[in-house]
Amino acid sequence: MFPVLFTLPGLGWDVQAYGVFMGLALLLGWVLTLRSARADLLPSERIGTVYVASVLLAVLAGRAMWLLQVPGGLSAGSLFSLQAGGSSIVGALIVGLVVSGVMCWRGKIPWLATLDCGAPWFALGVVLERVGAVLAGADFGRYVAPGELGYRLHLVYPEGSPAFLFHHRAMESFRGLPETTSAPVHPSQLYTAAFALLALAVGLWIRKRRRFSGQVVFAVAAMYLFARFGIEETLRLGAPDAMIGPFRVTQLTTLGLLFVLWIGYQQVASRAASADDGWRHWLGGPWSGQGEERSGKSAT
């Protein structure tokens, strides 16, 4: 597609599409999370610090976990290189959640309320990141034949792209393989982006109707895991092929995470129902410097 958006005149520096969209996702996530935190009477300055530390360590951890699977891949230079398709997403999310949880606990900030502020914008970040992956030609989908479901939406990648190189190496004897493009593939990145866009809309809708802190992040996380189960681990080329029955191991892992998420939601809902404040942390508390409640306020 367009891995290089443009070249800086006079410097000869190529501006990579994936880096631009990933940077935009992180920047918008920071700005919009802080705006939501202010609307929820949370300490936006401290949450800004939590966001930066959590995202930075999550990105580095996800990159390191991916590089450890590549022989001789881990080095200082490669660790700080932001490349499409070169990160362990689940590992990065786990590290980000742990870091944010520890920092919120130390700062006496309600963790789930903090995650509620960032969850919709995480979904927006996924949209932008997946668009960047399409432009970079990374994480491309599996081959889709004419007449199969999804063929009308197929993508082909130009000569020299990862998909082109893979198909002309692995499908060399395939009759009808184009000489100047890859074979048609599922636009799995765009499928995920569309699902993430839906998760963004659902997250914002729930923010206006939530009954307790945590509802937004649980909803967005569930939708993201469903996208990984049905799209990323099914239609993306490069997803591990190890099977247990009709499912890939990674799909079963995702189902396990969904089950854990469901148990967590039940526990949070039960505790919120028995709490004096109903866990409606967006109405204010000691962390915001005021204890009075602000009824009806649930801005995005």
C-alpha atoms as a PDB file:
ATOM      1  CA  MET A   1       0.000   0.000   0.000  1.00  0.00           C
ATOM      2  CA  PHE A   2       1.699   3.200   1.213  1.00  0.00           C
ATOM      3  CA  PRO A   3       4.264   2.302   3.899  1.00  0.00           C
ATOM      4  CA  VAL A   4       5.967   5.671   3.397  1.00  0.00           C
ATOM      5  CA  LEU A   5       3.619   8.652   3.535  1.00  0.00           C
ATOM      6  CA  PHE A   6       6.171  11.159   2.307  1.00  0.00           C
ATOM      7  CA  THR A   7       9.853  12.063   2.388  1.00  0.00           C
ATOM      8  CA  LEU A   8      10.991  15.200   4.166  1.00  0.00           C
ATOM      9  CA  PRO A   9      12.452  17.496   1.487  1.00  0.00           C
ATOM     10  CA  GLY A  10      16.095  18.309   1.912  1.00  0.00           C
ATOM     11  CA  LEU A  11      16.594  15.668   4.618  1.00  0.00           C
ATOM     12  CA  GLY A  12      15.671  12.506   2.757  1.00  0.00           C
ATOM     13  CA  TRP A  13      13.866  11.084   5.816  1.00  0.00           C
ATOM     14  CA  ASP A  14      11.004   8.746   5.043  1.00  0.00           C
ATOM     15  CA  VAL A  15       7.946   9.328   7.223  1.00  0.00           C
ATOM     16  CA  GLN A  16       6.461   5.878   7.864  1.00  0.00           C
ATOM     17  CA  ALA A  17       2.679   5.538   7.739  1.00  0.00           C
ATOM     18  CA  TYR A  18       2.534   3.135  10.666  1.00  0.00           C
ATOM     19  CA  GLY A  19       4.610   5.389  12.897  1.00  0.00           C
ATOM     20  CA  VAL A  20       2.422   8.401  12.077  1.00  0.00           C
ATOM     21  CA  PHE A  21      -0.854   6.594  12.807  1.00  0.00           C
ATOM     22  CA  MET A  22       0.505   4.941  15.940  1.00  0.00           C
ATOM     23  CA  GLY A  23       1.814   8.265  17.218  1.00  0.00           C
ATOM     24  CA  LEU A  24      -1.527   9.903  16.453  1.00  0.00           C
ATOM     25  CA  ALA A  25      -3.329   7.128  18.344  1.00  0.00           C
ATOM     26  CA  LEU A  26      -1.162   7.614  21.441  1.00  0.00           C
ATOM     27  CA  LEU A  27      -1.419  11.405  21.352  1.00  0.00           C
ATOM     28  CA  LEU A  28      -5.201  11.453  20.903  1.00  0.00           C
ATOM     29  CA  GLY A  29      -5.521   8.801  23.609  1.00  0.00           C
ATOM     30  CA  TRP A  30      -3.615  11.014  26.047  1.00  0.00           C
ATOM     31  CA  VAL A  31      -5.566  14.199  25.247  1.00  0.00           C
ATOM     32  CA  LEU A  32      -9.000  12.566  25.282  1.00  0.00           C
ATOM     33  CA  THR A  33      -8.316  10.475  28.386  1.00  0.00           C
ATOM     34  CA  LEU A  34      -7.367  13.611  30.312  1.00  0.00           C
ATOM     35  CA  ARG A  35     -10.503  15.363  29.076  1.00  0.00           C
ATOM     36  CA  SER A  36     -12.636  12.465  30.269  1.00  0.00           C
ATOM     37  CA  ALA A  37     -10.783  12.446  33.617  1.00  0.00           C
ATOM     38  CA  ARG A  38     -11.557  16.120  34.177  1.00  0.00           C
ATOM     39  CA  ALA A  39     -15.207  15.488  33.348  1.00  0.00           C
ATOM     40  CA  ASP A  40     -15.242  12.647  35.910  1.00  0.00           C
ATOM     41  CA  LEU A  41     -13.681  14.756  38.690  1.00  0.00           C
ATOM     42  CA  LEU A  42     -10.526  12.666  38.652  1.00  0.00           C
ATOM     43  CA  PRO A  43      -7.030  14.201  39.097  1.00  0.00           C
ATOM     44  CA  SER A  44      -6.165  14.678  35.433  1.00  0.00           C
ATOM     45  CA  GLU A  45      -2.518  15.621  36.044  1.00  0.00           C
ATOM     46  CA  ARG A  46      -1.794  12.438  37.973  1.00  0.00           C
ATOM     47  CA  ILE A  47      -3.786  10.366  35.481  1.00  0.00           C
ATOM     48  CA  GLY A  48      -1.706  11.923  32.706  1.00  0.00           C
ATOM     49  CA  THR A  49       1.397  10.565  34.427  1.00  0.00           C
ATOM     50  CA  VAL A  50      -0.251   7.149  34.786  1.00  0.00           C
ATOM     51  CA  TYR A  51      -1.135   7.178  31.089  1.00  0.00           C
ATOM     52  CA  VAL A  52       2.377   8.055  29.895  1.00  0.00           C
ATOM     53  CA  ALA A  53       4.116   5.522  32.162  1.00  0.00           C
ATOM     54  CA  SER A  54       1.630   2.730  31.399  1.00  0.00           C
ATOM     55  CA  VAL A  55       1.703   3.251  27.633  1.00  0.00           C
ATOM     56  CA  LEU A  56       5.483   3.611  27.453  1.00  0.00           C
ATOM     57  CA  LEU A  57       6.168   0.437  29.447  1.00  0.00           C
ATOM     58  CA  ALA A  58       3.392  -1.448  27.635  1.00  0.00           C
ATOM     59  CA  VAL A  59       4.792  -0.569  24.205  1.00  0.00           C
ATOM     60  CA  LEU A  60       8.338  -1.533  25.220  1.00  0.00           C
ATOM     61  CA  ALA A  61       7.161  -4.772  26.879  1.00  0.00           C
ATOM     62  CA  GLY A  62       5.051  -5.787  23.882  1.00  0.00           C
ATOM     63  CA  ARG A  63       7.951  -5.086  21.540  1.00  0.00           C
ATOM     64  CA  ALA A  64      10.410  -7.006  23.748  1.00  0.00           C
ATOM     65  CA  MET A  65       8.083 -10.033  24.017  1.00  0.00           C
ATOM     66  CA  TRP A  66       7.771 -10.178  20.236  1.00  0.00           C
ATOM     67  CA  LEU A  67      11.527  -9.786  19.681  1.00  0.00           C
ATOM     68  CA  LEU A  68      12.285 -12.597  22.124  1.00  0.00           C
ATOM     69  CA  GLN A  69      10.491 -14.946  19.724  1.00  0.00           C
ATOM     70  CA  VAL A  70      12.862 -13.922  16.908  1.00  0.00           C
ATOM     71  CA  PRO A  71      16.377 -15.426  17.056  1.00  0.00           C
ATOM     72  CA  GLY A  72      18.818 -12.609  17.762  1.00  0.00           C
ATOM     73  CA  GLY A  73      16.023 -10.063  17.477  1.00  0.00           C
ATOM     74  CA  LEU A  74      16.280  -8.350  20.867  1.00  0.00           C
ATOM     75  CA  SER A  75      18.653  -5.379  20.927  1.00  0.00           C
ATOM     76  CA  ALA A  76      18.544  -1.782  22.091  1.00  0.00           C
ATOM     77  CA  GLY A  77      18.037  -0.515  18.558  1.00  0.00           C
ATOM     78  CA  SER A  78      15.277  -2.961  17.655  1.00  0.00           C
ATOM     79  CA  LEU A  79      13.503  -2.470  20.997  1.00  0.00           C
ATOM     80  CA  PHE A  80      12.874   1.217  20.306  1.00  0.00           C
ATOM     81  CA  SER A  81      11.918   0.671  16.663  1.00  0.00           C
ATOM     82  CA  LEU A  82       8.155   1.030  16.253  1.00  0.00           C
ATOM     83  CA  GLN A  83       7.236  -1.381  13.468  1.00  0.00           C
ATOM     84  CA  ALA A  84       3.883  -2.638  12.270  1.00  0.00           C
ATOM     85  CA  GLY A  85       3.205  -6.219  13.288  1.00  0.00           C
ATOM     86  CA  GLY A  86       6.206  -6.306  15.616  1.00  0.00           C
ATOM     87  CA  SER A  87       4.584  -6.399  19.031  1.00  0.00           C
ATOM     88  CA  SER A  88       2.828  -8.792  21.393  1.00  0.00           C
ATOM     89  CA  ILE A  89      -0.487  -6.988  21.859  1.00  0.00           C
ATOM     90  CA  VAL A  90      -1.838  -9.129  24.695  1.00  0.00           C
ATOM     91  CA  GLY A  91       1.472  -8.910  26.557  1.00  0.00           C
ATOM     92  CA  ALA A  92       1.522  -5.130  26.135  1.00  0.00           C
ATOM     93  CA  LEU A  93      -2.033  -4.820  27.462  1.00  0.00           C
ATOM     94  CA  ILE A  94      -1.276  -6.927  30.521  1.00  0.00           C
ATOM     95  CA  VAL A  95       1.806  -4.865  31.364  1.00  0.00           C
ATOM     96  CA  GLY A  96      -0.128  -1.627  30.831  1.00  0.00           C
ATOM     97  CA  LEU A  97      -2.927  -2.763  33.143  1.00  0.00           C
ATOM     98  CA  VAL A  98      -0.503  -3.859  35.864  1.00  0.00           C
ATOM     99  CA  VAL A  99       1.467  -0.599  35.724  1.00  0.00           C
ATOM    100  CA  SER A 100      -1.660   1.558  35.763  1.00  0.00           C
ATOM    101  CA  GLY A 101      -3.117  -0.499  38.610  1.00  0.00           C
ATOM    102  CA  VAL A 102      -0.022  -0.107  40.774  1.00  0.00           C
ATOM    103  CA  MET A 103       0.242   3.617  40.073  1.00  0.00           C
ATOM    104  CA  CYS A 104      -3.446   4.225  40.798  1.00  0.00           C
ATOM    105  CA  TRP A 105      -3.187   2.236  44.024  1.00  0.00           C
ATOM    106  CA  ARG A 106      -0.151   4.224  45.147  1.00  0.00           C
ATOM    107  CA  GLY A 107      -1.816   7.495  44.170  1.00  0.00           C
ATOM    108  CA  LYS A 108      -5.133   6.527  45.806  1.00  0.00           C
ATOM    109  CA  ILE A 109      -6.995   7.023  42.537  1.00  0.00           C
ATOM    110  CA  PRO A 110      -9.907   4.675  41.674  1.00  0.00           C
ATOM    111  CA  TRP A 111      -8.405   2.327  39.094  1.00  0.00           C
ATOM    112  CA  LEU A 112     -11.567   1.239  37.288  1.00  0.00           C
ATOM    113  CA  ALA A 113     -12.765   4.840  37.041  1.00  0.00           C
ATOM    114  CA  THR A 114      -9.399   5.714  35.487  1.00  0.00           C
ATOM    115  CA  LEU A 115      -9.688   2.867  32.990  1.00  0.00           C
ATOM    116  CA  ASP A 116     -13.213   4.002  32.120  1.00  0.00           C
ATOM    117  CA  CYS A 117     -11.730   7.352  31.052  1.00  0.00           C
ATOM    118  CA  GLY A 118      -9.288   5.702  28.659  1.00  0.00           C
ATOM    119  CA  ALA A 119     -11.225   2.687  27.372  1.00  0.00           C
ATOM    120  CA  PRO A 120     -13.165   4.384  24.531  1.00  0.00           C
ATOM    121  CA  TRP A 121     -10.000   6.104  23.351  1.00  0.00           C
ATOM    122  CA  PHE A 122      -8.138   2.797  23.411  1.00  0.00           C
ATOM    123  CA  ALA A 123     -10.722   1.612  20.867  1.00  0.00           C
ATOM    124  CA  LEU A 124     -10.057   4.735  18.787  1.00  0.00           C
ATOM    125  CA  GLY A 125      -6.354   3.950  19.008  1.00  0.00           C
ATOM    126  CA  VAL A 126      -6.985   0.448  17.673  1.00  0.00           C
ATOM    127  CA  VAL A 127      -8.815   1.967  14.692  1.00  0.00           C
ATOM    128  CA  LEU A 128      -5.871   4.233  13.862  1.00  0.00           C
ATOM    129  CA  GLU A 129      -3.260   1.536  14.495  1.00  0.00           C
ATOM    130  CA  ARG A 130      -5.034  -0.927  12.202  1.00  0.00           C
ATOM    131  CA  VAL A 131      -5.311   1.676   9.430  1.00  0.00           C
ATOM    132  CA  GLY A 132      -1.576   2.251   9.810  1.00  0.00           C
ATOM    133  CA  ALA A 133      -1.025  -1.504   9.527  1.00  0.00           C
ATOM    134  CA  VAL A 134      -2.997  -1.604   6.258  1.00  0.00           C
ATOM    135  CA  LEU A 135      -0.894   1.201   4.792  1.00  0.00           C
ATOM    136  CA  ALA A 136       2.298  -0.516   5.950  1.00  0.00           C
ATOM    137  CA  GLY A 137       1.169  -3.848   4.498  1.00  0.00           C
ATOM    138  CA  ALA A 138       1.563  -5.590   7.877  1.00  0.00           C
ATOM    139  CA  ASP A 139      -0.656  -8.195   9.537  1.00  0.00           C
ATOM    140  CA  PHE A 140      -2.354  -8.921   6.217  1.00  0.00           C
ATOM    141  CA  GLY A 141      -5.169 -11.449   6.023  1.00  0.00           C
ATOM    142  CA  ARG A 142      -5.375 -14.955   4.680  1.00  0.00           C
ATOM    143  CA  TYR A 143      -5.928 -15.735   1.021  1.00  0.00           C
ATOM    144  CA  VAL A 144      -9.550 -15.374  -0.102  1.00  0.00           C
ATOM    145  CA  ALA A 145     -10.613 -17.065  -3.334  1.00  0.00           C
ATOM    146  CA  PRO A 146     -13.157 -15.681  -5.800  1.00  0.00           C
ATOM    147  CA  GLY A 147     -16.656 -16.598  -4.682  1.00  0.00           C
ATOM    148  CA  GLU A 148     -15.705 -17.001  -1.007  1.00  0.00           C
ATOM    149  CA  LEU A 149     -17.261 -14.873   1.703  1.00  0.00           C
ATOM    150  CA  GLY A 150     -15.307 -11.648   1.937  1.00  0.00           C
ATOM    151  CA  TYR A 151     -13.882 -11.706  -1.580  1.00  0.00           C
ATOM    152  CA  ARG A 152     -15.762  -8.547  -2.561  1.00  0.00           C
ATOM    153  CA  LEU A 153     -13.817  -6.718   0.158  1.00  0.00           C
ATOM    154  CA  HIS A 154     -10.436  -8.243  -0.672  1.00  0.00           C
ATOM    155  CA  LEU A 155      -7.164  -6.346  -0.846  1.00  0.00           C
ATOM    156  CA  VAL A 156      -4.140  -6.917  -3.045  1.00  0.00           C
ATOM    157  CA  TYR A 157      -0.706  -5.573  -2.164  1.00  0.00           C
ATOM    158  CA  PRO A 158       1.847  -4.192  -4.619  1.00  0.00           C
ATOM    159  CA  GLU A 159       5.158  -5.699  -5.647  1.00  0.00           C
ATOM    160  CA  GLY A 160       7.713  -5.668  -2.867  1.00  0.00           C
ATOM    161  CA  SER A 161       5.160  -5.681  -0.056  1.00  0.00           C
ATOM    162  CA  PRO A 162       5.268  -8.401   2.652  1.00  0.00           C
ATOM    163  CA  ALA A 163       2.134 -10.024   1.211  1.00  0.00           C
ATOM    164  CA  PHE A 164       3.592 -10.023  -2.310  1.00  0.00           C
ATOM    165  CA  LEU A 165       6.872 -11.555  -1.155  1.00  0.00           C
ATOM    166  CA  PHE A 166       5.099 -14.207   0.912  1.00  0.00           C
ATOM    167  CA  HIS A 167       2.667 -15.247  -1.816  1.00  0.00           C
ATOM    168  CA  HIS A 168       5.326 -15.410  -4.525  1.00  0.00           C
ATOM    169  CA  ARG A 169       7.465 -17.564  -2.252  1.00  0.00           C
ATOM    170  CA  ALA A 170       4.819 -19.827  -0.721  1.00  0.00           C
ATOM    171  CA  MET A 171       2.373 -19.946  -3.660  1.00  0.00           C
ATOM    172  CA  GLU A 172       4.880 -20.023  -6.510  1.00  0.00           C
ATOM    173  CA  SER A 173       3.079 -22.846  -8.310  1.00  0.00           C
ATOM    174  CA  PHE A 174      -0.371 -21.349  -7.750  1.00  0.00           C
ATOM    175  CA  ARG A 175      -2.093 -20.827 -11.104  1.00  0.00           C
ATOM    176  CA  GLY A 176      -3.427 -17.328 -11.644  1.00  0.00           C
ATOM    177  CA  LEU A 177      -1.085 -15.639  -9.169  1.00  0.00           C
ATOM    178  CA  PRO A 178      -0.613 -12.029 -10.413  1.00  0.00           C
ATOM    179  CA  GLU A 179       2.909 -11.077 -11.413  1.00  0.00           C
ATOM    180  CA  THR A 180       2.819  -7.540 -10.033  1.00  0.00           C
ATOM    181  CA  THR A 181       0.591  -7.880  -6.966  1.00  0.00           C
ATOM    182  CA  SER A 182      -0.115 -10.291  -4.166  1.00  0.00           C
ATOM    183  CA  ALA A 183      -2.986 -12.745  -4.245  1.00  0.00           C
ATOM    184  CA  PRO A 184      -6.313 -11.392  -2.908  1.00  0.00           C
ATOM    185  CA  VAL A 185      -6.470 -11.427   0.902  1.00  0.00           C
ATOM    186  CA  HIS A 186      -8.972 -10.646   3.616  1.00  0.00           C
ATOM    187  CA  PRO A 187      -8.643  -7.027   4.830  1.00  0.00           C
ATOM    188  CA  SER A 188      -8.391  -8.358   8.379  1.00  0.00           C
ATOM    189  CA  GLN A 189      -6.903  -5.083   9.643  1.00  0.00           C
ATOM    190  CA  LEU A 190      -9.952  -3.169   8.401  1.00  0.00           C
ATOM    191  CA  TYR A 191     -12.311  -5.770   9.883  1.00  0.00           C
ATOM    192  CA  THR A 192     -10.698  -5.165  13.268  1.00  0.00           C
ATOM    193  CA  ALA A 193     -10.762  -1.395  12.757  1.00  0.00           C
ATOM    194  CA  ALA A 194     -14.493  -1.510  12.017  1.00  0.00           C
ATOM    195  CA  PHE A 195     -15.136  -3.604  15.127  1.00  0.00           C
ATOM    196  CA  ALA A 196     -13.015  -1.202  17.201  1.00  0.00           C
ATOM    197  CA  LEU A 197     -15.040   1.713  15.838  1.00  0.00           C
ATOM    198  CA  LEU A 198     -18.173  -0.062  17.066  1.00  0.00           C
ATOM    199  CA  ALA A 199     -16.486  -0.586  20.454  1.00  0.00           C
ATOM    200  CA  LEU A 200     -15.750   3.152  20.589  1.00  0.00           C
ATOM    201  CA  ALA A 201     -19.417   3.973  19.979  1.00  0.00           C
ATOM    202  CA  VAL A 202     -20.560   1.425  22.584  1.00  0.00           C
ATOM    203  CA  GLY A 203     -18.042   2.717  25.128  1.00  0.00           C
ATOM    204  CA  LEU A 204     -19.211   6.315  24.720  1.00  0.00           C
ATOM    205  CA  TRP A 205     -22.847   5.219  24.894  1.00  0.00           C
ATOM    206  CA  ILE A 206     -22.252   3.339  28.150  1.00  0.00           C
ATOM    207  CA  ARG A 207     -20.348   6.292  29.656  1.00  0.00           C
ATOM    208  CA  LYS A 208     -23.551   8.295  29.522  1.00  0.00           C
ATOM    209  CA  ARG A 209     -25.595   5.523  31.124  1.00  0.00           C
ATOM    210  CA  ARG A 210     -23.181   3.744  33.487  1.00  0.00           C
ATOM    211  CA  ARG A 211     -24.324   2.714  36.921  1.00  0.00           C
ATOM    212  CA  PHE A 212     -20.889   2.056  38.445  1.00  0.00           C
ATOM    213  CA  SER A 213     -17.214   2.499  37.626  1.00  0.00           C
ATOM    214  CA  GLY A 214     -15.787  -0.245  35.432  1.00  0.00           C
ATOM    215  CA  GLN A 215     -18.735  -0.759  33.104  1.00  0.00           C
ATOM    216  CA  VAL A 216     -17.076   1.101  30.228  1.00  0.00           C
ATOM    217  CA  VAL A 217     -13.737  -0.698  30.344  1.00  0.00           C
ATOM    218  CA  PHE A 218     -15.359  -4.125  30.738  1.00  0.00           C
ATOM    219  CA  ALA A 219     -17.560  -3.509  27.670  1.00  0.00           C
ATOM    220  CA  VAL A 220     -14.720  -2.233  25.473  1.00  0.00           C
ATOM    221  CA  ALA A 221     -12.381  -5.016  26.609  1.00  0.00           C
ATOM    222  CA  ALA A 222     -15.012  -7.675  25.841  1.00  0.00           C
ATOM    223  CA  MET A 223     -15.575  -6.306  22.339  1.00  0.00           C
ATOM    224  CA  TYR A 224     -11.839  -6.158  21.679  1.00  0.00           C
ATOM    225  CA  LEU A 225     -11.409  -9.782  22.774  1.00  0.00           C
ATOM    226  CA  PHE A 226     -14.322 -10.830  20.556  1.00  0.00           C
ATOM    227  CA  ALA A 227     -12.578  -9.108  17.638  1.00  0.00           C
ATOM    228  CA  ARG A 228      -9.376 -11.019  18.370  1.00  0.00           C
ATOM    229  CA  PHE A 229     -11.295 -14.296  18.621  1.00  0.00           C
ATOM    230  CA  GLY A 230     -13.304 -13.889  15.424  1.00  0.00           C
ATOM    231  CA  ILE A 231     -10.960 -11.825  13.241  1.00  0.00           C
ATOM    232  CA  GLU A 232      -7.337 -11.568  14.351  1.00  0.00           C
ATOM    233  CA  GLU A 233      -6.912 -15.229  15.262  1.00  0.00           C
ATOM    234  CA  THR A 234      -9.050 -16.501  12.383  1.00  0.00           C
ATOM    235  CA  LEU A 235      -8.433 -14.405   9.286  1.00  0.00           C
ATOM    236  CA  ARG A 236      -4.982 -12.909   9.898  1.00  0.00           C
ATOM    237  CA  LEU A 237      -2.107 -14.678   8.196  1.00  0.00           C
ATOM    238  CA  GLY A 238       0.589 -15.416  10.728  1.00  0.00           C
ATOM    239  CA  ALA A 239      -1.786 -16.311  13.541  1.00  0.00           C
ATOM    240  CA  PRO A 240      -0.491 -19.503  15.228  1.00  0.00           C
ATOM    241  CA  ASP A 241      -1.919 -22.648  13.613  1.00  0.00           C
ATOM    242  CA  ALA A 242      -1.803 -24.924  16.689  1.00  0.00           C
ATOM    243  CA  MET A 243      -5.277 -26.424  17.031  1.00  0.00           C
ATOM    244  CA  ILE A 244      -7.335 -28.035  19.778  1.00  0.00           C
ATOM    245  CA  GLY A 245     -10.440 -29.397  18.118  1.00  0.00           C
ATOM    246  CA  PRO A 246     -11.982 -26.790  15.794  1.00  0.00           C
ATOM    247  CA  PHE A 247     -10.244 -23.832  17.486  1.00  0.00           C
ATOM    248  CA  ARG A 248      -6.760 -22.407  17.466  1.00  0.00           C
ATOM    249  CA  VAL A 249      -4.964 -22.347  20.792  1.00  0.00           C
ATOM    250  CA  THR A 250      -4.909 -18.550  20.653  1.00  0.00           C
ATOM    251  CA  GLN A 251      -8.680 -18.510  20.179  1.00  0.00           C
ATOM    252  CA  LEU A 252      -9.150 -20.694  23.251  1.00  0.00           C
ATOM    253  CA  THR A 253      -6.836 -18.374  25.173  1.00  0.00           C
ATOM    254  CA  THR A 254      -9.032 -15.457  24.134  1.00  0.00           C
ATOM    255  CA  LEU A 255     -12.131 -17.337  25.293  1.00  0.00           C
ATOM    256  CA  GLY A 256     -10.399 -17.918  28.624  1.00  0.00           C
ATOM    257  CA  LEU A 257      -9.711 -14.200  28.949  1.00  0.00           C
ATOM    258  CA  LEU A 258     -13.363 -13.463  28.158  1.00  0.00           C
ATOM    259  CA  PHE A 259     -14.414 -15.852  30.923  1.00  0.00           C
ATOM    260  CA  VAL A 260     -12.058 -14.137  33.387  1.00  0.00           C
ATOM    261  CA  LEU A 261     -13.451 -10.786  32.259  1.00  0.00           C
ATOM    262  CA  TRP A 262     -17.007 -11.975  32.883  1.00  0.00           C
ATOM    263  CA  ILE A 263     -16.111 -13.170  36.395  1.00  0.00           C
ATOM    264  CA  GLY A 264     -14.417  -9.847  37.097  1.00  0.00           C
ATOM    265  CA  TYR A 265     -17.481  -7.934  35.927  1.00  0.00           C
ATOM    266  CA  GLN A 266     -19.750  -9.965  38.197  1.00  0.00           C
ATOM    267  CA  GLN A 267     -17.486  -9.288  41.168  1.00  0.00           C
ATOM    268  CA  VAL A 268     -17.320  -5.561  40.465  1.00  0.00           C
ATOM    269  CA  ALA A 269     -21.091  -5.307  39.955  1.00  0.00           C
ATOM    270  CA  SER A 270     -21.696  -7.124  43.257  1.00  0.00           C
ATOM    271  CA  ARG A 271     -19.318  -4.884  45.206  1.00  0.00           C
ATOM    272  CA  ALA A 272     -20.726  -1.763  43.603  1.00  0.00           C
ATOM    273  CA  ALA A 273     -24.264  -2.767  44.588  1.00  0.00           C
ATOM    274  CA  SER A 274     -23.251  -3.140  48.241  1.00  0.00           C
ATOM    275  CA  ALA A 275     -21.047  -0.022  48.427  1.00  0.00           C
ATOM    276  CA  ASP A 276     -22.418   3.138  50.025  1.00  0.00           C
ATOM    277  CA  ASP A 277     -21.416   5.290  47.046  1.00  0.00           C
ATOM    278  CA  GLY A 278     -22.378   2.639  44.495  1.00  0.00           C
ATOM    279  CA  TRP A 279     -18.849   2.931  43.077  1.00  0.00           C
ATOM    280  CA  ARG A 280     -19.924   6.017  41.134  1.00  0.00           C
ATOM    281  CA  HIS A 281     -16.491   7.543  41.353  1.00  0.00           C
ATOM    282  CA  TRP A 282     -17.162  10.052  38.593  1.00  0.00           C
ATOM    283  CA  LEU A 283     -19.265  12.015  41.109  1.00  0.00           C
ATOM    284  CA  GLY A 284     -16.182  13.015  43.069  1.00  0.00           C
ATOM    285  CA  GLY A 285     -14.286  11.876  46.146  1.00  0.00           C
ATOM    286  CA  PRO A 286     -11.083  12.382  48.140  1.00  0.00           C
ATOM    287  CA  TRP A 287      -8.982  11.942  44.970  1.00  0.00           C
ATOM    288  CA  SER A 288     -10.673  14.985  43.407  1.00  0.00           C
ATOM    289  CA  GLY A 289     -10.319  17.230  46.429  1.00  0.00           C
ATOM    290  CA  GLN A 290     -14.044  17.357  46.985  1.00  0.00           C
ATOM    291  CA  GLY A 291     -16.451  14.907  48.479  1.00  0.00           C
ATOM    292  CA  GLU A 292     -19.681  16.357  47.223  1.00  0.00           C
ATOM    293  CA  GLU A 293     -21.493  14.505  44.523  1.00  0.00           C
ATOM    294  CA  ARG A 294     -22.279  15.870  41.152  1.00  0.00           C
ATOM    295  CA  SER A 295     -25.496  14.238  40.051  1.00  0.00           C
ATOM    296  CA  GLY A 296     -26.280  13.634  36.449  1.00  0.00           C
ATOM    297  CA  LYS A 297     -22.724  14.413  35.243  1.00  0.00           C
ATOM    298  CA  SER A 298     -21.349  11.804  32.914  1.00  0.00           C
ATOM    299  CA  ALA A 299     -19.750  13.696  30.068  1.00  0.00           C
ATOM    300  CA  THR A 300     -17.538  12.152  27.478  1.00  0.00           C
END
